[in-house]
Amino acid sequence: MRQPELFPPEKGWIGTDESGKGDYFGPLVVAGVFLPDGQEDVLRELGVKDSKRTTDNRVRELAVLIKKGYKHSIVSIGPEKYNDLYAKLRNLNKLLAWGHARVIENILEETRAGRAITDQFGDERFVLNALLKKGRTIELVQKVRAEDDMAVAAASILARAEFLSRLHFLGRDIGLELPKGSSPAAEEAGRELVKRHGPEVLKKVAKVHFKLTAKVLGI
């Protein structure tokens, strides 16, 4: 007869998502949320959905509520650290996997979740290999359009709110408002920064492997 587990997993699951991956300026932020069973409708009623379909102001408001109500973790990789890691790994998916694994591990310090759902951004072995001892027992589910899952949607809200906050303060510190995305506005801001501070400034504020760097530097 099978022995019952001494510490069975809590009913619920972890969802993780990231923000800043396609933004030239600012950090890469990964967030995770543990959603207990039966809480999906609560988040739906609050209006939680994928942050890409939510205004910046609403993202900030919802993030405050999610942080108060649910176990969560946020890992922010600032531009300088991001550029260092990217230079070593030469692979964005490995960098993402490292971030997703860290937030899963952090939440497992507080709760015995049995499952984690992430977006499909590469070989799932990247995440499994990046998990430390505590995370090795978790069932990892990677799927396309994972933001349809409420735990992942909540994580996307936390990640975006943190990204927006850090982008704002980074711009304040450097003395120039830094645009989101990697649009012509981002190129223009990059050129202005290089004019003021020299090319080295980009490593402090931007993801320098983006093709936009060559345009900014006129290469």
N, C-alpha and C. Protein backbone atom coordinates (compact mmCIF):
# COMPACT_ATOMS: atom_id res chain seq x y z
N MET A 1 0.84 -1.20 0.00
CA MET A 1 0.00 0.00 0.00
C MET A 1 0.88 1.26 0.00
N ARG A 2 0.53 2.22 -0.88
CA ARG A 2 1.35 3.43 -1.01
C ARG A 2 1.20 4.30 0.22
N GLN A 3 2.35 4.72 0.74
CA GLN A 3 2.34 5.61 1.92
C GLN A 3 1.90 7.01 1.50
N PRO A 4 1.05 7.68 2.29
CA PRO A 4 0.70 9.07 1.95
C PRO A 4 1.92 9.96 2.10
N GLU A 5 1.96 11.00 1.27
CA GLU A 5 3.10 11.93 1.36
C GLU A 5 3.08 12.63 2.71
N LEU A 6 4.28 12.77 3.28
CA LEU A 6 4.39 13.42 4.58
C LEU A 6 3.96 14.88 4.48
N PHE A 7 4.44 15.55 3.41
CA PHE A 7 4.07 16.96 3.18
C PHE A 7 3.52 17.06 1.75
N PRO A 8 2.23 16.77 1.56
CA PRO A 8 1.69 16.83 0.20
C PRO A 8 1.71 18.26 -0.34
N PRO A 9 1.78 18.40 -1.68
CA PRO A 9 1.79 19.75 -2.27
C PRO A 9 0.52 20.53 -1.91
N GLU A 10 0.67 21.84 -1.76
CA GLU A 10 -0.52 22.67 -1.54
C GLU A 10 -1.34 22.70 -2.82
N LYS A 11 -2.64 22.83 -2.66
CA LYS A 11 -3.51 22.85 -3.83
C LYS A 11 -3.44 24.22 -4.48
N GLY A 12 -2.92 24.22 -5.68
CA GLY A 12 -2.71 25.46 -6.40
C GLY A 12 -1.48 25.30 -7.26
N TRP A 13 -1.06 26.37 -7.92
CA TRP A 13 0.09 26.27 -8.81
C TRP A 13 0.78 27.63 -8.93
N ILE A 14 2.01 27.58 -9.44
CA ILE A 14 2.80 28.80 -9.67
C ILE A 14 2.70 29.15 -11.15
N GLY A 15 2.49 30.42 -11.44
CA GLY A 15 2.58 30.93 -12.81
C GLY A 15 3.72 31.92 -12.89
N THR A 16 4.49 31.89 -13.97
CA THR A 16 5.60 32.85 -14.13
C THR A 16 5.51 33.53 -15.49
N ASP A 17 6.00 34.76 -15.54
CA ASP A 17 6.05 35.49 -16.81
C ASP A 17 7.11 36.57 -16.70
N GLU A 18 7.47 37.15 -17.85
CA GLU A 18 8.52 38.17 -17.84
C GLU A 18 8.07 39.44 -18.55
N SER A 19 8.81 40.51 -18.29
CA SER A 19 8.56 41.79 -18.96
C SER A 19 9.91 42.45 -19.26
N GLY A 20 9.94 43.22 -20.34
CA GLY A 20 11.18 43.92 -20.71
C GLY A 20 11.99 43.20 -21.76
N LYS A 21 11.54 42.01 -22.16
CA LYS A 21 12.30 41.21 -23.13
C LYS A 21 12.45 41.94 -24.46
N GLY A 22 11.40 42.66 -24.88
CA GLY A 22 11.44 43.37 -26.16
C GLY A 22 11.70 44.86 -26.02
N ASP A 23 12.01 45.31 -24.80
CA ASP A 23 12.26 46.74 -24.56
C ASP A 23 13.76 47.01 -24.58
N TYR A 24 14.17 47.95 -25.39
CA TYR A 24 15.61 48.27 -25.51
C TYR A 24 16.17 48.79 -24.19
N PHE A 25 15.45 49.70 -23.58
CA PHE A 25 15.89 50.28 -22.30
C PHE A 25 15.29 49.50 -21.12
N GLY A 26 16.00 49.56 -20.00
CA GLY A 26 15.45 49.01 -18.76
C GLY A 26 15.82 47.55 -18.55
N PRO A 27 15.33 47.00 -17.44
CA PRO A 27 15.71 45.65 -17.04
C PRO A 27 14.89 44.57 -17.75
N LEU A 28 15.29 43.34 -17.53
CA LEU A 28 14.44 42.18 -17.80
C LEU A 28 13.90 41.75 -16.44
N VAL A 29 12.58 41.68 -16.32
CA VAL A 29 11.96 41.33 -15.04
C VAL A 29 11.18 40.03 -15.18
N VAL A 30 11.41 39.10 -14.28
CA VAL A 30 10.62 37.86 -14.24
C VAL A 30 9.86 37.84 -12.91
N ALA A 31 8.58 37.48 -12.97
CA ALA A 31 7.77 37.40 -11.74
C ALA A 31 7.04 36.07 -11.70
N GLY A 32 6.71 35.66 -10.49
CA GLY A 32 5.94 34.44 -10.29
C GLY A 32 4.88 34.67 -9.22
N VAL A 33 3.74 33.99 -9.36
CA VAL A 33 2.65 34.09 -8.38
C VAL A 33 2.15 32.68 -8.07
N PHE A 34 1.94 32.39 -6.78
CA PHE A 34 1.29 31.13 -6.40
C PHE A 34 -0.20 31.39 -6.27
N LEU A 35 -0.98 30.68 -7.07
CA LEU A 35 -2.44 30.85 -7.06
C LEU A 35 -3.09 29.62 -6.44
N PRO A 36 -3.66 29.76 -5.23
CA PRO A 36 -4.34 28.61 -4.61
C PRO A 36 -5.57 28.21 -5.43
N ASP A 37 -5.92 26.94 -5.38
CA ASP A 37 -7.14 26.47 -6.06
C ASP A 37 -8.33 27.33 -5.65
N GLY A 38 -9.21 27.62 -6.61
CA GLY A 38 -10.44 28.34 -6.31
C GLY A 38 -10.31 29.85 -6.34
N GLN A 39 -9.10 30.35 -6.69
CA GLN A 39 -8.90 31.81 -6.69
C GLN A 39 -8.96 32.44 -8.08
N GLU A 40 -9.15 31.61 -9.10
CA GLU A 40 -9.14 32.16 -10.46
C GLU A 40 -10.22 33.21 -10.68
N ASP A 41 -11.44 32.92 -10.17
CA ASP A 41 -12.55 33.86 -10.38
C ASP A 41 -12.32 35.19 -9.64
N VAL A 42 -11.62 35.12 -8.52
CA VAL A 42 -11.30 36.35 -7.77
C VAL A 42 -10.44 37.26 -8.65
N LEU A 43 -9.42 36.68 -9.28
CA LEU A 43 -8.54 37.48 -10.15
C LEU A 43 -9.29 37.99 -11.38
N ARG A 44 -10.16 37.13 -11.92
CA ARG A 44 -10.95 37.57 -13.09
C ARG A 44 -11.82 38.76 -12.76
N GLU A 45 -12.44 38.71 -11.59
CA GLU A 45 -13.31 39.82 -11.17
C GLU A 45 -12.52 41.11 -10.96
N LEU A 46 -11.28 40.97 -10.53
CA LEU A 46 -10.42 42.15 -10.39
C LEU A 46 -10.04 42.73 -11.75
N GLY A 47 -10.18 41.90 -12.80
CA GLY A 47 -9.80 42.35 -14.14
C GLY A 47 -8.39 41.95 -14.52
N VAL A 48 -7.84 40.95 -13.84
CA VAL A 48 -6.49 40.50 -14.17
C VAL A 48 -6.50 39.78 -15.51
N LYS A 49 -5.66 40.25 -16.42
CA LYS A 49 -5.43 39.57 -17.70
C LYS A 49 -4.01 39.89 -18.14
N ASP A 50 -3.58 39.31 -19.22
CA ASP A 50 -2.22 39.52 -19.71
C ASP A 50 -1.89 41.02 -19.71
N SER A 51 -0.74 41.38 -19.18
CA SER A 51 -0.37 42.80 -19.03
C SER A 51 -0.32 43.52 -20.38
N LYS A 52 -0.11 42.79 -21.46
CA LYS A 52 -0.05 43.44 -22.79
C LYS A 52 -1.42 44.00 -23.18
N ARG A 53 -2.47 43.50 -22.52
CA ARG A 53 -3.82 43.98 -22.82
C ARG A 53 -4.36 44.87 -21.70
N THR A 54 -3.44 45.41 -20.89
CA THR A 54 -3.82 46.22 -19.73
C THR A 54 -3.04 47.53 -19.76
N THR A 55 -3.70 48.65 -19.44
CA THR A 55 -3.00 49.94 -19.45
C THR A 55 -1.96 49.99 -18.34
N ASP A 56 -0.96 50.84 -18.53
CA ASP A 56 0.12 50.95 -17.53
C ASP A 56 -0.43 51.31 -16.14
N ASN A 57 -1.37 52.25 -16.09
CA ASN A 57 -1.91 52.65 -14.79
C ASN A 57 -2.64 51.51 -14.10
N ARG A 58 -3.41 50.76 -14.90
CA ARG A 58 -4.14 49.62 -14.32
C ARG A 58 -3.17 48.52 -13.88
N VAL A 59 -2.10 48.34 -14.64
CA VAL A 59 -1.07 47.36 -14.26
C VAL A 59 -0.52 47.70 -12.87
N ARG A 60 -0.24 48.98 -12.65
CA ARG A 60 0.31 49.41 -11.35
C ARG A 60 -0.70 49.15 -10.22
N GLU A 61 -1.97 49.48 -10.47
CA GLU A 61 -3.02 49.28 -9.45
C GLU A 61 -3.19 47.80 -9.11
N LEU A 62 -3.27 46.97 -10.15
CA LEU A 62 -3.48 45.54 -9.94
C LEU A 62 -2.29 44.90 -9.22
N ALA A 63 -1.08 45.37 -9.55
CA ALA A 63 0.13 44.81 -8.93
C ALA A 63 0.09 44.97 -7.41
N VAL A 64 -0.40 46.12 -6.94
CA VAL A 64 -0.50 46.36 -5.49
C VAL A 64 -1.43 45.32 -4.86
N LEU A 65 -2.58 45.06 -5.50
CA LEU A 65 -3.56 44.10 -4.97
C LEU A 65 -3.00 42.67 -4.98
N ILE A 66 -2.34 42.30 -6.07
CA ILE A 66 -1.79 40.94 -6.20
C ILE A 66 -0.71 40.71 -5.15
N LYS A 67 0.14 41.71 -4.95
CA LYS A 67 1.22 41.57 -3.96
C LYS A 67 0.66 41.38 -2.55
N LYS A 68 -0.44 42.08 -2.27
CA LYS A 68 -1.06 41.97 -0.93
C LYS A 68 -1.69 40.60 -0.72
N GLY A 69 -2.27 40.03 -1.78
CA GLY A 69 -3.11 38.85 -1.61
C GLY A 69 -2.45 37.50 -1.88
N TYR A 70 -1.29 37.50 -2.58
CA TYR A 70 -0.75 36.21 -3.03
C TYR A 70 0.76 36.12 -2.82
N LYS A 71 1.21 34.89 -2.55
CA LYS A 71 2.66 34.66 -2.46
C LYS A 71 3.25 34.87 -3.84
N HIS A 72 4.35 35.60 -3.87
CA HIS A 72 4.91 35.97 -5.18
C HIS A 72 6.42 36.17 -5.07
N SER A 73 7.06 36.30 -6.20
CA SER A 73 8.48 36.62 -6.25
C SER A 73 8.75 37.43 -7.51
N ILE A 74 9.65 38.40 -7.41
CA ILE A 74 10.03 39.22 -8.57
C ILE A 74 11.55 39.26 -8.64
N VAL A 75 12.09 38.90 -9.80
CA VAL A 75 13.54 38.96 -10.02
C VAL A 75 13.78 39.97 -11.15
N SER A 76 14.54 41.01 -10.85
CA SER A 76 14.84 42.03 -11.85
C SER A 76 16.32 41.99 -12.22
N ILE A 77 16.59 41.89 -13.51
CA ILE A 77 17.97 41.86 -14.00
C ILE A 77 18.21 43.19 -14.70
N GLY A 78 18.91 44.11 -14.02
CA GLY A 78 19.17 45.44 -14.56
C GLY A 78 20.05 45.37 -15.80
N PRO A 79 20.08 46.45 -16.61
CA PRO A 79 20.82 46.42 -17.88
C PRO A 79 22.28 45.98 -17.76
N GLU A 80 23.01 46.48 -16.76
CA GLU A 80 24.42 46.10 -16.65
C GLU A 80 24.59 44.61 -16.40
N LYS A 81 23.80 44.07 -15.46
CA LYS A 81 23.85 42.64 -15.17
C LYS A 81 23.36 41.83 -16.37
N TYR A 82 22.30 42.32 -17.00
CA TYR A 82 21.75 41.65 -18.18
C TYR A 82 22.82 41.53 -19.27
N ASN A 83 23.52 42.64 -19.54
CA ASN A 83 24.54 42.62 -20.59
C ASN A 83 25.69 41.68 -20.25
N ASP A 84 26.06 41.63 -18.98
CA ASP A 84 27.11 40.69 -18.54
C ASP A 84 26.67 39.24 -18.75
N LEU A 85 25.43 38.94 -18.30
CA LEU A 85 24.92 37.57 -18.42
C LEU A 85 24.75 37.17 -19.89
N TYR A 86 24.25 38.11 -20.69
CA TYR A 86 24.04 37.80 -22.10
C TYR A 86 25.38 37.53 -22.80
N ALA A 87 26.40 38.29 -22.43
CA ALA A 87 27.74 38.10 -23.02
C ALA A 87 28.28 36.70 -22.69
N LYS A 88 27.93 36.20 -21.49
CA LYS A 88 28.40 34.87 -21.08
C LYS A 88 27.57 33.76 -21.73
N LEU A 89 26.23 33.92 -21.68
CA LEU A 89 25.34 32.85 -22.13
C LEU A 89 25.11 32.86 -23.64
N ARG A 90 25.15 34.04 -24.25
CA ARG A 90 24.90 34.23 -25.68
C ARG A 90 23.56 33.64 -26.12
N ASN A 91 22.62 33.58 -25.20
CA ASN A 91 21.34 32.96 -25.52
C ASN A 91 20.27 33.53 -24.60
N LEU A 92 19.31 34.25 -25.19
CA LEU A 92 18.27 34.90 -24.38
C LEU A 92 17.40 33.87 -23.65
N ASN A 93 17.14 32.73 -24.29
CA ASN A 93 16.29 31.72 -23.65
C ASN A 93 16.94 31.15 -22.38
N LYS A 94 18.25 31.00 -22.40
CA LYS A 94 18.95 30.52 -21.19
C LYS A 94 18.86 31.56 -20.08
N LEU A 95 18.97 32.82 -20.47
CA LEU A 95 18.86 33.92 -19.49
C LEU A 95 17.44 33.96 -18.90
N LEU A 96 16.44 33.81 -19.76
CA LEU A 96 15.05 33.77 -19.30
C LEU A 96 14.82 32.58 -18.37
N ALA A 97 15.38 31.43 -18.75
CA ALA A 97 15.21 30.22 -17.94
C ALA A 97 15.78 30.42 -16.55
N TRP A 98 16.93 31.07 -16.47
CA TRP A 98 17.56 31.35 -15.18
C TRP A 98 16.62 32.20 -14.32
N GLY A 99 16.01 33.24 -14.91
CA GLY A 99 15.09 34.11 -14.17
C GLY A 99 13.83 33.37 -13.72
N HIS A 100 13.24 32.58 -14.61
CA HIS A 100 12.03 31.83 -14.27
C HIS A 100 12.32 30.81 -13.17
N ALA A 101 13.47 30.16 -13.27
CA ALA A 101 13.84 29.17 -12.24
C ALA A 101 14.01 29.84 -10.88
N ARG A 102 14.60 31.05 -10.87
CA ARG A 102 14.81 31.74 -9.59
C ARG A 102 13.49 32.09 -8.91
N VAL A 103 12.51 32.59 -9.68
CA VAL A 103 11.24 32.97 -9.02
C VAL A 103 10.50 31.72 -8.54
N ILE A 104 10.58 30.63 -9.29
CA ILE A 104 9.95 29.38 -8.84
C ILE A 104 10.59 28.94 -7.53
N GLU A 105 11.92 28.96 -7.47
CA GLU A 105 12.63 28.57 -6.25
C GLU A 105 12.23 29.47 -5.07
N ASN A 106 12.16 30.76 -5.32
CA ASN A 106 11.82 31.71 -4.24
C ASN A 106 10.43 31.42 -3.67
N ILE A 107 9.47 31.14 -4.56
CA ILE A 107 8.11 30.86 -4.08
C ILE A 107 8.06 29.52 -3.35
N LEU A 108 8.88 28.57 -3.78
CA LEU A 108 8.92 27.28 -3.10
C LEU A 108 9.50 27.38 -1.68
N GLU A 109 10.17 28.49 -1.39
CA GLU A 109 10.62 28.72 -0.01
C GLU A 109 9.43 28.97 0.91
N GLU A 110 8.32 29.44 0.31
CA GLU A 110 7.14 29.81 1.11
C GLU A 110 5.97 28.85 0.99
N THR A 111 5.95 28.06 -0.08
CA THR A 111 4.79 27.19 -0.30
C THR A 111 5.22 25.91 -1.01
N ARG A 112 4.53 24.82 -0.73
CA ARG A 112 4.86 23.54 -1.36
C ARG A 112 3.98 23.35 -2.61
N ALA A 113 4.24 24.12 -3.62
CA ALA A 113 3.48 23.97 -4.86
C ALA A 113 3.97 22.73 -5.60
N GLY A 114 3.03 22.06 -6.29
CA GLY A 114 3.42 20.85 -7.02
C GLY A 114 3.60 21.09 -8.51
N ARG A 115 3.20 22.30 -8.98
CA ARG A 115 3.22 22.54 -10.42
C ARG A 115 3.54 23.99 -10.71
N ALA A 116 4.25 24.24 -11.81
CA ALA A 116 4.54 25.61 -12.26
C ALA A 116 4.27 25.70 -13.75
N ILE A 117 3.63 26.80 -14.14
CA ILE A 117 3.32 27.03 -15.57
C ILE A 117 4.09 28.24 -16.06
N THR A 118 4.81 28.09 -17.17
CA THR A 118 5.54 29.21 -17.78
C THR A 118 5.17 29.26 -19.26
N ASP A 119 5.48 30.39 -19.86
CA ASP A 119 5.27 30.54 -21.29
C ASP A 119 6.30 29.67 -22.02
N GLN A 120 5.97 29.26 -23.24
CA GLN A 120 6.90 28.46 -24.06
C GLN A 120 7.90 29.41 -24.71
N PHE A 121 9.11 29.51 -24.14
CA PHE A 121 10.09 30.42 -24.75
C PHE A 121 11.35 29.69 -25.20
N GLY A 122 11.35 28.38 -25.12
CA GLY A 122 12.53 27.62 -25.53
C GLY A 122 12.44 26.22 -24.98
N ASP A 123 13.52 25.48 -25.11
CA ASP A 123 13.58 24.11 -24.61
C ASP A 123 13.34 24.11 -23.10
N GLU A 124 12.34 23.32 -22.66
CA GLU A 124 12.01 23.32 -21.22
C GLU A 124 13.17 22.82 -20.36
N ARG A 125 14.13 22.12 -20.98
CA ARG A 125 15.30 21.66 -20.21
C ARG A 125 16.10 22.84 -19.67
N PHE A 126 16.03 23.99 -20.39
CA PHE A 126 16.72 25.19 -19.89
C PHE A 126 16.25 25.52 -18.48
N VAL A 127 14.92 25.53 -18.29
CA VAL A 127 14.37 25.86 -16.97
C VAL A 127 14.66 24.74 -15.98
N LEU A 128 14.43 23.49 -16.40
CA LEU A 128 14.66 22.36 -15.50
C LEU A 128 16.11 22.32 -15.03
N ASN A 129 17.04 22.60 -15.93
CA ASN A 129 18.46 22.59 -15.56
C ASN A 129 18.81 23.74 -14.63
N ALA A 130 18.07 24.86 -14.76
CA ALA A 130 18.37 26.04 -13.93
C ALA A 130 17.76 25.93 -12.53
N LEU A 131 16.80 25.02 -12.37
CA LEU A 131 16.20 24.84 -11.04
C LEU A 131 17.20 24.19 -10.09
N LEU A 132 17.21 24.65 -8.88
CA LEU A 132 18.09 24.07 -7.87
C LEU A 132 17.38 22.90 -7.20
N LYS A 133 17.97 22.37 -6.15
CA LYS A 133 17.46 21.16 -5.50
C LYS A 133 15.97 21.25 -5.16
N LYS A 134 15.57 22.40 -4.61
CA LYS A 134 14.19 22.54 -4.13
C LYS A 134 13.17 22.46 -5.27
N GLY A 135 13.57 22.95 -6.44
CA GLY A 135 12.63 22.99 -7.56
C GLY A 135 12.58 21.73 -8.40
N ARG A 136 13.49 20.81 -8.13
CA ARG A 136 13.58 19.63 -8.99
C ARG A 136 12.36 18.71 -8.91
N THR A 137 11.58 18.83 -7.84
CA THR A 137 10.43 17.93 -7.67
C THR A 137 9.16 18.50 -8.29
N ILE A 138 9.21 19.70 -8.78
CA ILE A 138 7.99 20.35 -9.28
C ILE A 138 7.69 19.90 -10.71
N GLU A 139 6.40 19.80 -11.04
CA GLU A 139 6.01 19.51 -12.42
C GLU A 139 6.02 20.83 -13.18
N LEU A 140 6.82 20.89 -14.24
CA LEU A 140 6.95 22.12 -15.02
C LEU A 140 6.14 21.99 -16.31
N VAL A 141 5.23 22.95 -16.52
CA VAL A 141 4.40 22.95 -17.74
C VAL A 141 4.74 24.20 -18.53
N GLN A 142 5.24 24.02 -19.75
CA GLN A 142 5.48 25.17 -20.63
C GLN A 142 4.47 25.11 -21.75
N LYS A 143 3.76 26.22 -21.98
CA LYS A 143 2.78 26.19 -23.05
C LYS A 143 2.69 27.52 -23.77
N VAL A 144 2.27 27.44 -25.03
CA VAL A 144 2.07 28.64 -25.83
C VAL A 144 0.84 29.38 -25.27
N ARG A 145 0.89 30.70 -25.30
CA ARG A 145 -0.18 31.55 -24.76
C ARG A 145 -0.50 31.21 -23.30
N ALA A 146 0.56 31.04 -22.52
CA ALA A 146 0.38 30.70 -21.10
C ALA A 146 -0.35 31.81 -20.35
N GLU A 147 -0.36 33.04 -20.89
CA GLU A 147 -1.01 34.16 -20.21
C GLU A 147 -2.52 33.95 -20.05
N ASP A 148 -3.09 32.95 -20.78
CA ASP A 148 -4.50 32.62 -20.59
C ASP A 148 -4.72 32.00 -19.21
N ASP A 149 -3.65 31.48 -18.61
CA ASP A 149 -3.73 30.94 -17.26
C ASP A 149 -3.70 32.11 -16.26
N MET A 150 -4.57 32.09 -15.26
CA MET A 150 -4.70 33.24 -14.36
C MET A 150 -3.46 33.49 -13.49
N ALA A 151 -2.76 32.43 -13.10
CA ALA A 151 -1.54 32.63 -12.31
C ALA A 151 -0.46 33.30 -13.16
N VAL A 152 -0.37 32.89 -14.43
CA VAL A 152 0.61 33.49 -15.36
C VAL A 152 0.23 34.94 -15.65
N ALA A 153 -1.08 35.18 -15.84
CA ALA A 153 -1.54 36.56 -16.09
C ALA A 153 -1.20 37.47 -14.91
N ALA A 154 -1.40 36.96 -13.69
CA ALA A 154 -1.06 37.75 -12.49
C ALA A 154 0.44 38.02 -12.43
N ALA A 155 1.24 37.01 -12.80
CA ALA A 155 2.70 37.18 -12.82
C ALA A 155 3.10 38.22 -13.87
N SER A 156 2.39 38.22 -15.00
CA SER A 156 2.72 39.19 -16.06
C SER A 156 2.44 40.62 -15.60
N ILE A 157 1.40 40.79 -14.77
CA ILE A 157 1.08 42.11 -14.21
C ILE A 157 2.21 42.57 -13.27
N LEU A 158 2.66 41.67 -12.38
CA LEU A 158 3.74 42.03 -11.44
C LEU A 158 5.03 42.36 -12.19
N ALA A 159 5.34 41.56 -13.20
CA ALA A 159 6.58 41.78 -13.95
C ALA A 159 6.53 43.13 -14.67
N ARG A 160 5.37 43.45 -15.26
CA ARG A 160 5.28 44.71 -16.02
C ARG A 160 5.32 45.93 -15.09
N ALA A 161 4.64 45.83 -13.96
CA ALA A 161 4.64 46.95 -13.00
C ALA A 161 6.07 47.23 -12.51
N GLU A 162 6.81 46.17 -12.22
CA GLU A 162 8.20 46.34 -11.77
C GLU A 162 9.06 46.92 -12.88
N PHE A 163 8.84 46.44 -14.11
CA PHE A 163 9.59 46.98 -15.25
C PHE A 163 9.34 48.48 -15.41
N LEU A 164 8.06 48.88 -15.37
CA LEU A 164 7.71 50.29 -15.55
C LEU A 164 8.35 51.16 -14.47
N SER A 165 8.32 50.67 -13.23
CA SER A 165 8.90 51.41 -12.11
C SER A 165 10.41 51.59 -12.30
N ARG A 166 11.08 50.50 -12.64
CA ARG A 166 12.54 50.56 -12.78
C ARG A 166 12.96 51.39 -13.99
N LEU A 167 12.17 51.32 -15.07
CA LEU A 167 12.47 52.13 -16.25
C LEU A 167 12.36 53.62 -15.91
N HIS A 168 11.33 53.96 -15.13
CA HIS A 168 11.12 55.35 -14.72
C HIS A 168 12.31 55.87 -13.92
N PHE A 169 12.74 55.09 -12.93
CA PHE A 169 13.83 55.55 -12.07
C PHE A 169 15.18 55.55 -12.79
N LEU A 170 15.35 54.63 -13.73
CA LEU A 170 16.57 54.61 -14.54
C LEU A 170 16.65 55.88 -15.37
N GLY A 171 15.51 56.28 -15.95
CA GLY A 171 15.47 57.51 -16.74
C GLY A 171 15.73 58.73 -15.88
N ARG A 172 15.16 58.71 -14.67
CA ARG A 172 15.37 59.84 -13.76
C ARG A 172 16.85 59.97 -13.38
N ASP A 173 17.48 58.83 -13.13
CA ASP A 173 18.90 58.85 -12.75
C ASP A 173 19.80 59.34 -13.89
N ILE A 174 19.43 58.99 -15.13
CA ILE A 174 20.28 59.34 -16.27
C ILE A 174 19.92 60.72 -16.83
N GLY A 175 18.75 61.26 -16.38
CA GLY A 175 18.36 62.61 -16.82
C GLY A 175 17.64 62.67 -18.14
N LEU A 176 16.99 61.55 -18.54
CA LEU A 176 16.25 61.53 -19.80
C LEU A 176 15.15 60.48 -19.70
N GLU A 177 13.93 60.83 -20.11
CA GLU A 177 12.85 59.85 -20.08
C GLU A 177 13.14 58.75 -21.10
N LEU A 178 13.12 57.50 -20.66
CA LEU A 178 13.46 56.38 -21.53
C LEU A 178 12.19 55.73 -22.07
N PRO A 179 12.04 55.68 -23.40
CA PRO A 179 10.82 55.11 -23.98
C PRO A 179 10.76 53.60 -23.82
N LYS A 180 9.53 53.07 -23.82
CA LYS A 180 9.32 51.62 -23.83
C LYS A 180 9.55 51.11 -25.25
N GLY A 181 9.67 49.78 -25.37
CA GLY A 181 9.79 49.16 -26.69
C GLY A 181 11.15 49.39 -27.34
N SER A 182 11.21 49.14 -28.66
CA SER A 182 12.44 49.47 -29.38
C SER A 182 12.08 50.16 -30.69
N SER A 183 11.39 51.28 -30.48
CA SER A 183 10.84 52.07 -31.58
C SER A 183 11.82 53.16 -32.01
N PRO A 184 11.45 53.96 -33.03
CA PRO A 184 12.29 55.12 -33.39
C PRO A 184 12.51 56.08 -32.21
N ALA A 185 11.52 56.14 -31.29
CA ALA A 185 11.69 57.00 -30.10
C ALA A 185 12.84 56.48 -29.23
N ALA A 186 12.96 55.16 -29.13
CA ALA A 186 14.06 54.56 -28.35
C ALA A 186 15.40 54.84 -29.02
N GLU A 187 15.41 54.77 -30.35
CA GLU A 187 16.65 55.07 -31.10
C GLU A 187 17.07 56.52 -30.87
N GLU A 188 16.10 57.41 -30.92
CA GLU A 188 16.38 58.85 -30.72
C GLU A 188 16.92 59.10 -29.30
N ALA A 189 16.31 58.46 -28.32
CA ALA A 189 16.77 58.62 -26.93
C ALA A 189 18.18 58.07 -26.77
N GLY A 190 18.44 56.94 -27.41
CA GLY A 190 19.78 56.34 -27.35
C GLY A 190 20.83 57.27 -27.93
N ARG A 191 20.52 57.89 -29.04
CA ARG A 191 21.47 58.83 -29.67
C ARG A 191 21.74 60.04 -28.78
N GLU A 192 20.67 60.51 -28.14
CA GLU A 192 20.81 61.66 -27.24
C GLU A 192 21.72 61.30 -26.06
N LEU A 193 21.54 60.11 -25.52
CA LEU A 193 22.36 59.67 -24.38
C LEU A 193 23.82 59.52 -24.78
N VAL A 194 24.05 58.95 -25.96
CA VAL A 194 25.43 58.77 -26.45
C VAL A 194 26.09 60.14 -26.66
N LYS A 195 25.31 61.09 -27.17
CA LYS A 195 25.82 62.45 -27.38
C LYS A 195 26.23 63.09 -26.05
N ARG A 196 25.42 62.85 -25.02
CA ARG A 196 25.69 63.45 -23.70
C ARG A 196 26.79 62.72 -22.93
N HIS A 197 26.79 61.39 -23.00
CA HIS A 197 27.64 60.61 -22.08
C HIS A 197 28.63 59.67 -22.75
N GLY A 198 28.57 59.55 -24.08
CA GLY A 198 29.46 58.61 -24.76
C GLY A 198 28.83 57.23 -24.90
N PRO A 199 29.38 56.39 -25.80
CA PRO A 199 28.77 55.09 -26.10
C PRO A 199 28.66 54.14 -24.91
N GLU A 200 29.57 54.27 -23.94
CA GLU A 200 29.58 53.35 -22.79
C GLU A 200 28.28 53.44 -21.98
N VAL A 201 27.56 54.55 -22.09
CA VAL A 201 26.33 54.73 -21.31
C VAL A 201 25.29 53.66 -21.66
N LEU A 202 25.34 53.17 -22.89
CA LEU A 202 24.32 52.20 -23.33
C LEU A 202 24.34 50.94 -22.47
N LYS A 203 25.52 50.51 -22.04
CA LYS A 203 25.62 49.30 -21.21
C LYS A 203 24.90 49.47 -19.87
N LYS A 204 24.75 50.71 -19.44
CA LYS A 204 24.11 50.98 -18.15
C LYS A 204 22.59 51.07 -18.24
N VAL A 205 22.09 51.36 -19.43
CA VAL A 205 20.64 51.61 -19.55
C VAL A 205 19.92 50.72 -20.56
N ALA A 206 20.67 50.06 -21.46
CA ALA A 206 20.04 49.36 -22.58
C ALA A 206 20.54 47.93 -22.71
N LYS A 207 19.80 47.15 -23.48
CA LYS A 207 20.21 45.77 -23.80
C LYS A 207 21.01 45.87 -25.11
N VAL A 208 22.32 45.85 -24.97
CA VAL A 208 23.17 46.26 -26.09
C VAL A 208 23.23 45.24 -27.24
N HIS A 209 22.74 44.02 -27.04
CA HIS A 209 22.76 43.06 -28.15
C HIS A 209 21.65 43.33 -29.16
N PHE A 210 20.69 44.21 -28.81
CA PHE A 210 19.62 44.56 -29.75
C PHE A 210 20.24 45.20 -31.01
N LYS A 211 19.61 44.96 -32.16
CA LYS A 211 20.08 45.57 -33.41
C LYS A 211 20.03 47.09 -33.34
N LEU A 212 19.18 47.60 -32.48
CA LEU A 212 19.02 49.05 -32.33
C LEU A 212 20.34 49.72 -31.94
N THR A 213 21.21 49.00 -31.24
CA THR A 213 22.48 49.59 -30.81
C THR A 213 23.30 50.06 -32.00
N ALA A 214 23.33 49.25 -33.07
CA ALA A 214 24.08 49.63 -34.28
C ALA A 214 23.51 50.91 -34.90
N LYS A 215 22.17 51.03 -34.87
CA LYS A 215 21.55 52.25 -35.41
C LYS A 215 21.89 53.46 -34.54
N VAL A 216 21.81 53.26 -33.21
CA VAL A 216 22.10 54.35 -32.28
C VAL A 216 23.53 54.86 -32.49
N LEU A 217 24.44 53.92 -32.68
CA LEU A 217 25.86 54.30 -32.82
C LEU A 217 26.24 54.65 -34.26
N GLY A 218 25.24 54.52 -35.17
CA GLY A 218 25.50 54.88 -36.59
C GLY A 218 26.44 53.92 -37.26
N ILE A 219 26.41 52.63 -36.84
CA ILE A 219 27.31 51.65 -37.45
C ILE A 219 26.65 51.05 -38.69
